[in-house]
């Protein structure tokens, strides 16, 4: 688990470096991280388009507003608040269509209209009267949006979706997803979303954003819900105003092998684009990459020179990412910029942690053969996982102590199979074995858990102390740090329920304090701006 936190931290630094680099020239706005396993090098490349600040003359926007049964109460109010903020921020010459979507598509406007027009206000009134019922057909909704955008005159075309992303009326399997993404590319329409609801399919929304050059914002219904929803609306506005550049020709060195996604996603002016792949060839000291793009009526060429960084075990998760990508040529990758890659790394880390737990229980139950196989599978994906290494050492010690009971030869464990949502599929119950026969191992595991709980408690205490020192000047940084800590506590597998609840309570109390400080700072800043005006 400690290793998983380390490579997540490394990726956060990766993101920060690219944000800074994105402010410079295209030649400086690329980075390539690598992990070598035997003769294969896995890599991830981040590319940032060096686009001059330039106002988009006109944007065509189709808003898909989810009206399914899940969109009720505070979720529905948050959705409307985000929509109101988006429409208020659009330019007068932008054109908007509004659709309510569930089992069918309800076209609330007959044509594109100005964001603040009477037609749009009437459509919103009709939308508010609609009772949330049924489920959602995302494929049909996106198809309807593409049809309308194909008729639009504006060069920048955006679909804005507000809802939970769950498409139970028509599940987007590989074929449907491929067809939908193809239609988005043909129309050069990006998809940006505000994910809001009691349950979210952020995987689907992230895939759509990644493949179409969009963005995704996830709900925050804790604290000041109205303010959080308005901030989400501003994120949607930024997604509409950010320039999307569609690749028309891609020139990559052959040494990179197969690059995923196989069809290069669009570049954006406000975030980087992530490409992954693997090669058995030796990478040179520098690589030249070139992408020709089109944006509206303008064509551009972007060139980067990137130096592959030294292999690091912090990036061992790339092996898993590439296995997932191979299954459908990268179609289902949810890597929306470096932030998306960080999230994928965390999910794979959580999956490895859970497999390690299963290995520990198998060893404690005396099923050393299964414990060894699982530990080896974990170590292939995360070589620095100390818990898996401990399991491996213990079962090997047992085998050495009792040579007559040595392991039978077992085939190599194949890489973990790619999952549609990259979530862990629980291993078969037979891996858990019978009653525990290894009291010494149990004592060792329990001792490790106590030490880990103590270390995590000190880490959380230091995080809260540090956050309180920055709340007054930069509360948003404090909030982000505590959210990361809260996420780590919630998914830490080796905490007792009592200790987990204690740490969560402490972090949530500190979060409330930070949000209050953020509200006060916003008010002070607003008053200062009014005085200056």
Protein backbone atom coordinates (compact mmCIF):
# COMPACT_ATOMS: atom_id res chain seq x y z
CA UNK A 1 0.00 0.00 0.00
CA UNK A 2 2.82 2.39 0.76
CA UNK A 3 4.18 1.78 -2.72
CA UNK A 4 0.80 2.55 -4.26
CA UNK A 5 0.75 5.90 -2.48
CA UNK A 6 4.27 6.56 -3.75
CA UNK A 7 3.46 6.06 -7.41
CA UNK A 8 0.28 8.11 -7.02
CA UNK A 9 2.43 10.91 -5.57
CA UNK A 10 4.86 10.57 -8.47
CA UNK A 11 1.99 10.92 -10.91
CA UNK A 12 0.70 14.01 -9.11
CA UNK A 13 4.17 15.50 -9.65
CA UNK A 14 3.93 14.32 -13.27
CA UNK A 15 0.69 16.30 -13.61
CA UNK A 16 2.19 19.40 -11.98
CA UNK A 17 5.20 19.35 -14.30
CA UNK A 18 2.97 19.15 -17.36
CA UNK A 19 0.81 22.07 -16.17
CA UNK A 20 3.93 24.21 -15.93
CA UNK A 21 5.31 22.89 -19.21
CA UNK A 22 2.03 23.62 -20.94
CA UNK A 23 2.67 27.32 -20.41
CA UNK A 24 5.79 27.15 -22.60
CA UNK A 25 6.48 25.94 -26.11
CA UNK A 26 5.20 22.73 -27.62
CA UNK A 27 8.74 21.33 -27.71
CA UNK A 28 8.83 21.55 -23.89
CA UNK A 29 5.29 20.34 -23.22
CA UNK A 30 5.77 16.60 -23.41
CA UNK A 31 6.86 13.95 -20.93
CA UNK A 32 7.38 10.20 -21.13
CA UNK A 33 7.45 7.90 -18.09
CA UNK A 34 8.53 4.26 -18.41
CA UNK A 35 8.61 0.93 -16.64
CA UNK A 36 10.79 -1.94 -17.85
CA UNK A 37 9.93 -5.55 -17.10
CA UNK A 38 12.33 -8.07 -18.57
CA UNK A 39 12.67 -7.10 -22.27
CA UNK A 40 9.49 -5.03 -22.51
CA UNK A 41 9.24 -1.30 -21.78
CA UNK A 42 5.80 0.11 -20.97
CA UNK A 43 5.33 3.85 -21.24
CA UNK A 44 2.92 6.75 -20.96
CA UNK A 45 3.35 9.94 -22.96
CA UNK A 46 1.73 13.25 -22.04
CA UNK A 47 1.34 15.80 -24.83
CA UNK A 48 0.23 19.39 -24.31
CA UNK A 49 -0.81 21.54 -27.28
CA UNK A 50 0.93 24.91 -27.22
CA UNK A 51 -2.08 26.92 -28.36
CA UNK A 52 -2.04 30.74 -28.20
CA UNK A 53 -4.76 32.29 -26.07
CA UNK A 54 -7.54 32.96 -28.54
CA UNK A 55 -11.25 33.51 -28.08
CA UNK A 56 -13.49 31.03 -29.89
CA UNK A 57 -15.67 33.11 -32.24
CA UNK A 58 -18.75 30.96 -31.71
CA UNK A 59 -19.62 27.66 -30.05
CA UNK A 60 -22.50 25.30 -30.79
CA UNK A 61 -23.62 23.44 -27.66
CA UNK A 62 -26.17 20.66 -27.22
CA UNK A 63 -27.04 20.16 -23.54
CA UNK A 64 -28.20 16.66 -22.58
CA UNK A 65 -29.96 16.93 -19.20
CA UNK A 66 -30.61 13.58 -17.51
CA UNK A 67 -34.26 13.24 -16.42
CA UNK A 68 -34.13 9.59 -15.31
CA UNK A 69 -35.53 8.45 -11.96
CA UNK A 70 -32.19 8.80 -10.13
CA UNK A 71 -32.05 12.56 -10.73
CA UNK A 72 -34.10 13.79 -7.79
CA UNK A 73 -33.74 15.97 -4.71
CA UNK A 74 -30.33 17.56 -4.12
CA UNK A 75 -28.90 15.91 -7.23
CA UNK A 76 -31.53 17.54 -9.45
CA UNK A 77 -31.01 20.94 -7.81
CA UNK A 78 -27.25 20.64 -8.28
CA UNK A 79 -27.79 19.76 -11.95
CA UNK A 80 -29.98 22.84 -12.52
CA UNK A 81 -27.49 25.09 -10.70
CA UNK A 82 -24.69 23.86 -12.96
CA UNK A 83 -26.86 24.37 -16.06
CA UNK A 84 -27.79 27.92 -15.02
CA UNK A 85 -24.13 28.81 -14.45
CA UNK A 86 -23.14 27.39 -17.84
CA UNK A 87 -25.82 29.30 -19.76
CA UNK A 88 -25.09 32.54 -17.91
CA UNK A 89 -21.42 32.32 -18.88
CA UNK A 90 -21.83 31.59 -22.59
CA UNK A 91 -21.44 34.41 -25.11
CA UNK A 92 -24.48 36.02 -26.67
CA UNK A 93 -23.51 34.74 -30.14
CA UNK A 94 -23.11 31.12 -28.99
CA UNK A 95 -25.92 28.76 -29.96
CA UNK A 96 -27.56 26.23 -27.68
CA UNK A 97 -30.04 23.39 -27.88
CA UNK A 98 -31.52 21.73 -24.79
CA UNK A 99 -32.66 18.09 -24.57
CA UNK A 100 -34.09 16.12 -21.66
CA UNK A 101 -32.99 12.50 -21.86
CA UNK A 102 -34.14 9.25 -20.27
CA UNK A 103 -35.63 6.32 -22.20
CA UNK A 104 -36.22 8.72 -25.05
CA UNK A 105 -34.88 12.09 -26.16
CA UNK A 106 -37.13 15.08 -25.42
CA UNK A 107 -36.10 17.97 -27.67
CA UNK A 108 -37.01 21.03 -25.59
CA UNK A 109 -35.86 23.48 -28.27
CA UNK A 110 -36.66 23.22 -31.97
CA UNK A 111 -33.50 24.98 -33.13
CA UNK A 112 -30.26 26.49 -31.85
CA UNK A 113 -30.90 29.65 -29.81
CA UNK A 114 -28.90 32.22 -27.88
CA UNK A 115 -28.03 31.07 -24.32
CA UNK A 116 -30.04 33.83 -22.63
CA UNK A 117 -32.92 33.85 -25.16
CA UNK A 118 -36.60 33.49 -24.35
CA UNK A 119 -36.61 30.11 -26.13
CA UNK A 120 -34.00 28.73 -23.73
CA UNK A 121 -35.73 30.17 -20.66
CA UNK A 122 -39.01 28.55 -21.76
CA UNK A 123 -37.23 25.23 -22.36
CA UNK A 124 -35.73 25.29 -18.85
CA UNK A 125 -39.19 25.97 -17.43
CA UNK A 126 -40.51 22.90 -19.26
CA UNK A 127 -37.56 20.87 -18.05
CA UNK A 128 -38.28 21.79 -14.42
CA UNK A 129 -41.86 20.55 -14.79
CA UNK A 130 -40.71 17.15 -16.04
CA UNK A 131 -40.90 14.40 -13.42
CA UNK A 132 -37.73 12.23 -13.29
CA UNK A 133 -38.74 8.72 -14.37
CA UNK A 134 -37.31 5.63 -16.03
CA UNK A 135 -33.71 4.94 -17.07
CA UNK A 136 -31.33 6.48 -19.61
CA UNK A 137 -30.34 5.54 -23.16
CA UNK A 138 -26.99 7.32 -23.56
CA UNK A 139 -26.33 5.99 -27.07
CA UNK A 140 -29.61 7.39 -28.41
CA UNK A 141 -29.04 10.72 -26.63
CA UNK A 142 -25.55 11.15 -28.07
CA UNK A 143 -26.79 10.19 -31.54
CA UNK A 144 -29.51 12.86 -31.36
CA UNK A 145 -26.96 15.46 -30.21
CA UNK A 146 -24.58 14.58 -33.06
CA UNK A 147 -27.40 14.94 -35.59
CA UNK A 148 -28.13 18.47 -34.40
CA UNK A 149 -24.47 19.50 -34.21
CA UNK A 150 -23.88 18.26 -37.76
CA UNK A 151 -26.23 21.04 -38.88
CA UNK A 152 -24.52 23.72 -36.76
CA UNK A 153 -22.52 26.47 -38.43
CA UNK A 154 -20.04 27.07 -35.58
CA UNK A 155 -16.67 25.35 -35.86
CA UNK A 156 -16.46 24.40 -32.16
CA UNK A 157 -19.08 21.76 -31.36
CA UNK A 158 -19.67 20.52 -27.84
CA UNK A 159 -22.06 18.10 -26.17
CA UNK A 160 -22.57 18.91 -22.49
CA UNK A 161 -24.05 16.06 -20.46
CA UNK A 162 -25.42 16.57 -16.93
CA UNK A 163 -26.37 13.39 -15.09
CA UNK A 164 -25.05 10.16 -13.58
CA UNK A 165 -23.82 8.54 -16.83
CA UNK A 166 -25.63 5.26 -16.11
CA UNK A 167 -27.14 3.89 -19.34
CA UNK A 168 -29.21 0.92 -18.19
CA UNK A 169 -31.69 1.31 -21.07
CA UNK A 170 -28.90 0.63 -23.58
CA UNK A 171 -25.57 -0.60 -22.26
CA UNK A 172 -22.68 0.70 -24.34
CA UNK A 173 -20.82 -2.51 -25.19
CA UNK A 174 -17.66 -2.50 -27.29
CA UNK A 175 -19.49 -2.32 -30.63
CA UNK A 176 -21.93 0.38 -29.53
CA UNK A 177 -19.16 2.42 -27.94
CA UNK A 178 -17.01 2.15 -31.07
CA UNK A 179 -19.90 3.29 -33.25
CA UNK A 180 -20.76 6.17 -30.91
CA UNK A 181 -17.16 7.39 -30.71
CA UNK A 182 -16.89 7.16 -34.49
CA UNK A 183 -19.94 9.39 -34.90
CA UNK A 184 -18.49 11.92 -32.46
CA UNK A 185 -15.22 12.00 -34.42
CA UNK A 186 -17.01 12.39 -37.76
CA UNK A 187 -18.99 15.35 -36.42
CA UNK A 188 -15.95 16.68 -34.50
CA UNK A 189 -18.11 16.96 -31.40
CA UNK A 190 -16.50 16.74 -27.96
CA UNK A 191 -18.36 15.43 -24.88
CA UNK A 192 -17.91 17.13 -21.50
CA UNK A 193 -19.89 16.06 -18.45
CA UNK A 194 -20.96 16.98 -14.95
CA UNK A 195 -21.37 13.62 -13.20
CA UNK A 196 -24.08 14.00 -10.55
CA UNK A 197 -26.35 11.43 -8.92
CA UNK A 198 -26.55 8.84 -6.11
CA UNK A 199 -24.49 6.39 -8.24
CA UNK A 200 -22.15 7.41 -11.03
CA UNK A 201 -20.68 5.73 -14.09
CA UNK A 202 -17.63 7.96 -14.28
CA UNK A 203 -15.87 5.26 -16.32
CA UNK A 204 -18.25 5.78 -19.26
CA UNK A 205 -18.15 9.58 -19.01
CA UNK A 206 -14.34 9.60 -18.78
CA UNK A 207 -14.05 7.35 -21.83
CA UNK A 208 -16.32 9.65 -23.85
CA UNK A 209 -14.33 12.70 -22.73
CA UNK A 210 -11.00 11.03 -23.50
CA UNK A 211 -11.98 9.84 -26.97
CA UNK A 212 -13.68 13.09 -28.01
CA UNK A 213 -11.42 15.72 -26.44
CA UNK A 214 -13.80 16.68 -23.64
CA UNK A 215 -13.57 17.02 -19.87
CA UNK A 216 -15.36 15.60 -16.84
CA UNK A 217 -16.31 17.14 -13.49
CA UNK A 218 -17.57 14.93 -10.65
CA UNK A 219 -20.16 16.05 -8.10
CA UNK A 220 -19.25 17.34 -4.67
CA UNK A 221 -22.42 17.21 -2.60
CA UNK A 222 -20.71 17.79 0.72
CA UNK A 223 -20.60 21.19 2.34
CA UNK A 224 -21.99 24.03 0.22
CA UNK A 225 -23.86 22.09 -2.49
CA UNK A 226 -25.01 25.17 -4.39
CA UNK A 227 -21.50 26.62 -4.60
CA UNK A 228 -20.04 23.26 -5.65
CA UNK A 229 -22.64 22.93 -8.41
CA UNK A 230 -21.92 26.46 -9.63
CA UNK A 231 -18.21 25.63 -9.75
CA UNK A 232 -19.10 22.54 -11.81
CA UNK A 233 -21.03 24.83 -14.17
CA UNK A 234 -17.91 26.97 -14.55
CA UNK A 235 -15.92 23.83 -15.36
CA UNK A 236 -18.44 23.02 -18.10
CA UNK A 237 -18.08 26.57 -19.41
CA UNK A 238 -14.30 26.17 -19.54
CA UNK A 239 -14.77 22.88 -21.40
CA UNK A 240 -16.91 24.65 -24.00
CA UNK A 241 -14.45 27.57 -24.38
CA UNK A 242 -11.30 25.41 -24.50
CA UNK A 243 -10.09 24.74 -28.03
CA UNK A 244 -10.35 21.16 -29.31
CA UNK A 245 -7.89 20.12 -32.02
CA UNK A 246 -8.77 17.00 -34.01
CA UNK A 247 -5.82 14.95 -35.35
CA UNK A 248 -5.76 14.53 -39.13
CA UNK A 249 -2.31 12.93 -39.39
CA UNK A 250 -0.03 11.37 -36.77
CA UNK A 251 3.70 10.70 -37.18
CA UNK A 252 5.23 8.63 -34.36
CA UNK A 253 8.55 6.70 -34.42
CA UNK A 254 8.19 2.99 -35.21
CA UNK A 255 10.24 2.15 -32.10
CA UNK A 256 7.19 2.97 -29.95
CA UNK A 257 5.31 -0.05 -31.29
CA UNK A 258 1.53 0.02 -30.93
CA UNK A 259 0.35 3.24 -29.28
CA UNK A 260 -3.03 3.39 -27.49
CA UNK A 261 -5.66 4.61 -28.08
CA UNK A 262 -5.09 3.29 -31.60
CA UNK A 263 -6.96 6.34 -32.95
CA UNK A 264 -5.18 9.33 -31.38
CA UNK A 265 -7.63 11.37 -29.28
CA UNK A 266 -8.03 15.13 -29.83
CA UNK A 267 -5.68 17.62 -28.21
CA UNK A 268 -7.07 20.36 -25.97
CA UNK A 269 -5.78 23.81 -25.12
CA UNK A 270 -6.48 23.38 -21.39
CA UNK A 271 -5.26 19.85 -20.56
CA UNK A 272 -2.78 17.27 -21.79
CA UNK A 273 -3.52 14.15 -23.82
CA UNK A 274 -2.27 10.75 -22.62
CA UNK A 275 -0.97 7.99 -24.89
CA UNK A 276 0.29 4.61 -23.65
CA UNK A 277 2.03 1.64 -25.20
CA UNK A 278 4.83 -0.89 -24.90
CA UNK A 279 7.83 -1.91 -26.97
CA UNK A 280 10.51 -4.59 -26.95
CA UNK A 281 12.98 -2.31 -28.72
CA UNK A 282 15.49 -0.10 -26.94
CA UNK A 283 14.21 3.46 -26.74
CA UNK A 284 16.55 6.20 -28.01
CA UNK A 285 17.55 9.15 -25.84
CA UNK A 286 14.96 11.36 -27.53
CA UNK A 287 11.91 10.86 -29.74
CA UNK A 288 10.30 13.24 -32.22
CA UNK A 289 6.50 13.24 -32.31
CA UNK A 290 4.29 15.14 -34.74
CA UNK A 291 0.51 15.58 -34.98
CA UNK A 292 -1.38 17.54 -37.64
CA UNK A 293 -4.73 18.86 -36.40
CA UNK A 294 -7.83 20.73 -37.51
CA UNK A 295 -9.91 23.08 -35.35
CA UNK A 296 -12.83 24.71 -37.11
CA UNK A 297 -11.39 26.12 -40.34
CA UNK A 298 -7.81 26.24 -38.99
CA UNK A 299 -5.13 23.60 -39.48
CA UNK A 300 -2.10 23.31 -37.18
CA UNK A 301 0.96 21.13 -36.76
CA UNK A 302 2.39 20.29 -33.35
CA UNK A 303 5.85 18.84 -32.81
CA UNK A 304 7.45 17.56 -29.63
CA UNK A 305 10.85 16.18 -28.68
CA UNK A 306 10.52 13.93 -25.66
CA UNK A 307 13.22 12.13 -23.68
CA UNK A 308 12.12 8.79 -22.14
CA UNK A 309 12.69 8.87 -18.38
CA UNK A 310 14.49 6.06 -16.58
CA UNK A 311 12.35 3.06 -15.68
CA UNK A 312 10.78 3.29 -12.23
CA UNK A 313 8.77 0.79 -10.18
CA UNK A 314 6.48 3.70 -9.29
CA UNK A 315 5.10 3.28 -12.81
CA UNK A 316 4.68 -0.50 -12.74
CA UNK A 317 0.91 0.02 -13.00
CA UNK A 318 1.48 0.87 -16.69
CA UNK A 319 1.70 -2.87 -17.40
CA UNK A 320 -1.91 -3.22 -16.24
CA UNK A 321 -3.05 -0.14 -18.18
CA UNK A 322 -1.63 -1.55 -21.40
CA UNK A 323 -3.25 -4.95 -20.84
CA UNK A 324 -6.57 -3.13 -20.53
CA UNK A 325 -5.84 -1.10 -23.67
CA UNK A 326 -4.95 -4.15 -25.77
CA UNK A 327 -8.41 -5.65 -25.30
CA UNK A 328 -10.09 -2.94 -27.42
CA UNK A 329 -7.19 -0.90 -28.84
CA UNK A 330 -7.53 1.68 -26.08
CA UNK A 331 -11.19 2.48 -26.72
CA UNK A 332 -12.15 2.06 -23.05
CA UNK A 333 -9.21 3.98 -21.54
CA UNK A 334 -10.56 6.63 -19.12
CA UNK A 335 -7.27 8.59 -19.07
CA UNK A 336 -8.62 12.13 -19.37
CA UNK A 337 -5.29 13.93 -19.09
CA UNK A 338 -2.72 13.31 -16.36
CA UNK A 339 -5.44 13.57 -13.71
CA UNK A 340 -7.21 10.61 -15.35
CA UNK A 341 -3.99 8.61 -15.42
CA UNK A 342 -3.51 9.30 -11.69
CA UNK A 343 -7.01 8.00 -10.98
CA UNK A 344 -6.42 4.84 -13.02
CA UNK A 345 -3.19 4.27 -11.07
CA UNK A 346 -5.06 4.58 -7.78
CA UNK A 347 -7.74 2.13 -8.88
CA UNK A 348 -5.13 -0.42 -9.96
CA UNK A 349 -3.32 0.15 -6.64
CA UNK A 350 -6.53 -0.57 -4.73
CA UNK A 351 -7.01 -3.71 -6.78
CA UNK A 352 -3.48 -4.89 -5.94
CA UNK A 353 -4.09 -4.18 -2.24
CA UNK A 354 -7.21 -6.35 -2.27
CA UNK A 355 -5.40 -9.19 -4.03
CA UNK A 356 -2.65 -8.93 -1.41
CA UNK A 357 -5.27 -9.34 1.32
CA UNK A 358 -6.50 -12.50 -0.37
CA UNK A 359 -2.91 -13.81 -0.51
CA UNK A 360 -2.49 -13.11 3.24
CA UNK A 361 -5.69 -14.97 4.08
CA UNK A 362 -4.73 -17.89 1.84
CA UNK A 363 -1.33 -18.15 3.58
CA UNK A 364 -2.96 -17.90 7.01
CA UNK A 365 -5.31 -20.73 6.02
CA UNK A 366 -2.34 -22.88 5.01
CA UNK A 367 -3.02 -22.65 1.27
CA UNK A 368 0.56 -21.69 0.45
CA UNK A 369 0.29 -22.63 -3.20
CA UNK A 370 -2.52 -20.14 -3.87
CA UNK A 371 -0.84 -17.53 -1.65
CA UNK A 372 2.37 -17.77 -3.65
CA UNK A 373 0.60 -17.54 -7.01
CA UNK A 374 -1.41 -14.47 -5.98
CA UNK A 375 1.61 -12.75 -4.41
CA UNK A 376 3.64 -13.32 -7.58
CA UNK A 377 0.83 -11.87 -9.70
CA UNK A 378 0.72 -8.78 -7.46
CA UNK A 379 4.50 -8.34 -7.57
CA UNK A 380 4.49 -8.46 -11.36
CA UNK A 381 2.09 -5.52 -11.37
CA UNK A 382 3.59 -3.76 -8.34
CA UNK A 383 7.18 -4.92 -7.64
CA UNK A 384 7.49 -2.66 -4.61
CA UNK A 385 4.45 -4.04 -2.76
CA UNK A 386 5.97 -4.90 0.62
CA UNK A 387 2.95 -6.84 1.88
CA UNK A 388 2.98 -9.14 -1.15
CA UNK A 389 6.74 -9.54 -0.72
CA UNK A 390 6.17 -10.51 2.94
CA UNK A 391 3.63 -13.16 1.92
CA UNK A 392 6.04 -14.50 -0.66
CA UNK A 393 8.89 -14.68 1.86
CA UNK A 394 6.74 -16.42 4.48
CA UNK A 395 5.42 -19.12 2.15
CA UNK A 396 8.91 -19.70 0.72
CA UNK A 397 10.26 -20.05 4.28
CA UNK A 398 7.54 -22.60 5.02
CA UNK A 399 8.46 -24.53 1.86
CA UNK A 400 12.15 -24.51 2.81
CA UNK A 401 11.34 -25.72 6.32
CA UNK A 402 9.22 -28.60 5.02
CA UNK A 403 10.78 -29.73 1.73
CA UNK A 404 8.48 -32.71 1.56
CA UNK A 405 5.57 -30.34 1.19
CA UNK A 406 7.17 -28.18 -1.46
CA UNK A 407 4.94 -26.53 -3.98
CA UNK A 408 3.87 -28.46 -7.03
CA UNK A 409 4.77 -26.85 -10.31
CA UNK A 410 2.04 -24.44 -11.33
CA UNK A 411 1.69 -22.51 -14.57
CA UNK A 412 2.61 -18.85 -14.54
CA UNK A 413 -0.24 -16.62 -13.51
CA UNK A 414 -1.49 -14.65 -16.50
CA UNK A 415 -1.82 -10.85 -16.19
CA UNK A 416 -4.98 -9.73 -14.48
CA UNK A 417 -7.77 -9.67 -17.10
CA UNK A 418 -8.90 -6.23 -18.28
CA UNK A 419 -12.16 -5.10 -16.72
CA UNK A 420 -14.61 -2.68 -18.24
CA UNK A 421 -14.52 -0.43 -15.20
CA UNK A 422 -11.00 -1.40 -14.08
CA UNK A 423 -12.55 -2.52 -10.80
CA UNK A 424 -11.36 -5.62 -8.96
CA UNK A 425 -13.29 -8.82 -9.58
CA UNK A 426 -13.17 -10.72 -6.30
CA UNK A 427 -11.10 -13.95 -6.57
CA UNK A 428 -12.82 -17.29 -6.11
CA UNK A 429 -13.73 -18.20 -2.54
CA UNK A 430 -11.70 -21.41 -2.76
CA UNK A 431 -8.55 -19.29 -2.54
CA UNK A 432 -9.45 -18.53 1.06
CA UNK A 433 -8.86 -22.15 2.06
CA UNK A 434 -9.93 -23.85 5.27
CA UNK A 435 -9.32 -22.93 8.91
CA UNK A 436 -6.14 -20.99 9.75
CA UNK A 437 -3.20 -23.25 10.62
CA UNK A 438 -0.42 -20.73 10.77
CA UNK A 439 -0.69 -18.81 14.05
CA UNK A 440 2.77 -17.30 13.65
CA UNK A 441 1.83 -15.76 10.32
CA UNK A 442 -1.39 -14.37 11.78
CA UNK A 443 0.56 -12.77 14.62
CA UNK A 444 2.95 -11.21 12.12
CA UNK A 445 0.08 -9.85 9.99
CA UNK A 446 -1.68 -8.43 13.05
CA UNK A 447 1.52 -6.72 14.19
CA UNK A 448 2.00 -5.20 10.73
CA UNK A 449 -1.57 -3.91 10.80
CA UNK A 450 -1.08 -2.26 14.19
CA UNK A 451 2.14 -0.58 13.02
CA UNK A 452 0.48 0.56 9.80
CA UNK A 453 -2.54 1.98 11.68
CA UNK A 454 -0.22 3.93 13.98
CA UNK A 455 1.78 5.30 11.06
CA UNK A 456 -1.36 6.29 9.16
CA UNK A 457 -2.76 8.05 12.26
CA UNK A 458 0.40 10.16 12.54
CA UNK A 459 0.32 10.89 8.81
CA UNK A 460 -3.32 12.07 9.02
CA UNK A 461 -2.52 14.20 12.08
CA UNK A 462 0.34 15.88 10.21
CA UNK A 463 -1.89 16.42 7.17
CA UNK A 464 -4.54 18.16 9.28
CA UNK A 465 -1.94 20.34 11.05
CA UNK A 466 -0.41 21.35 7.71
CA UNK A 467 -3.84 22.03 6.21
CA UNK A 468 -4.82 24.32 9.07
CA UNK A 469 -1.73 26.43 8.48
CA UNK A 470 -2.74 27.02 4.85
CA UNK A 471 -6.52 27.38 5.28
CA UNK A 472 -6.50 31.13 5.72
CA UNK A 473 -4.38 31.87 2.64
CA UNK A 474 -5.25 29.01 0.29
CA UNK A 475 -8.17 26.92 1.58
CA UNK A 476 -8.64 25.08 -1.73
CA UNK A 477 -5.16 23.54 -1.42
CA UNK A 478 -6.00 22.44 2.12
CA UNK A 479 -9.29 20.94 0.95
CA UNK A 480 -7.58 19.00 -1.83
CA UNK A 481 -4.90 17.62 0.50
CA UNK A 482 -7.50 16.42 3.02
CA UNK A 483 -9.65 14.87 0.29
CA UNK A 484 -6.67 12.86 -0.90
CA UNK A 485 -6.01 11.77 2.69
CA UNK A 486 -9.69 10.89 3.18
CA UNK A 487 -9.64 8.77 0.03
CA UNK A 488 -6.55 6.93 1.29
CA UNK A 489 -8.18 6.21 4.65
CA UNK A 490 -11.43 4.97 3.08
CA UNK A 491 -9.65 2.46 0.83
CA UNK A 492 -6.92 1.36 3.25
CA UNK A 493 -7.63 -2.38 3.65
CA UNK A 494 -5.70 -2.98 6.88
CA UNK A 495 -7.60 -0.68 9.25
CA UNK A 496 -10.08 -1.81 11.85
CA UNK A 497 -13.58 -0.32 11.44
CA UNK A 498 -13.10 1.67 14.66
CA UNK A 499 -9.78 3.22 13.58
CA UNK A 500 -11.12 3.95 10.08
CA UNK A 501 -14.20 5.70 11.53
CA UNK A 502 -12.01 7.72 13.89
CA UNK A 503 -9.71 8.97 11.11
CA UNK A 504 -12.62 9.69 8.76
CA UNK A 505 -14.35 11.76 11.47
CA UNK A 506 -11.19 13.79 12.09
CA UNK A 507 -10.68 14.50 8.40
CA UNK A 508 -14.33 15.36 7.75
CA UNK A 509 -14.34 17.81 10.66
CA UNK A 510 -11.22 19.48 9.31
CA UNK A 511 -12.78 19.53 5.82
CA UNK A 512 -15.83 21.39 7.12
CA UNK A 513 -13.53 23.94 8.71
CA UNK A 514 -11.60 24.37 5.45
CA UNK A 515 -14.78 24.80 3.41
CA UNK A 516 -15.94 27.47 5.82
CA UNK A 517 -12.62 29.26 5.37
CA UNK A 518 -13.03 28.94 1.58
CA UNK A 519 -16.48 30.51 1.78
CA UNK A 520 -15.16 33.39 3.87
CA UNK A 521 -12.25 33.94 1.50
CA UNK A 522 -14.61 33.99 -1.51
CA UNK A 523 -16.77 36.60 0.19
CA UNK A 524 -13.77 38.77 1.08
CA UNK A 525 -12.44 38.50 -2.47
CA UNK A 526 -15.85 39.36 -3.90
CA UNK A 527 -16.17 42.43 -1.70
CA UNK A 528 -12.65 43.51 -2.65
CA UNK A 529 -13.49 43.17 -6.35
CA UNK A 530 -16.66 45.21 -5.88
CA UNK A 531 -14.69 47.94 -4.16
CA UNK A 532 -12.10 47.95 -6.92
CA UNK A 533 -14.87 48.11 -9.54
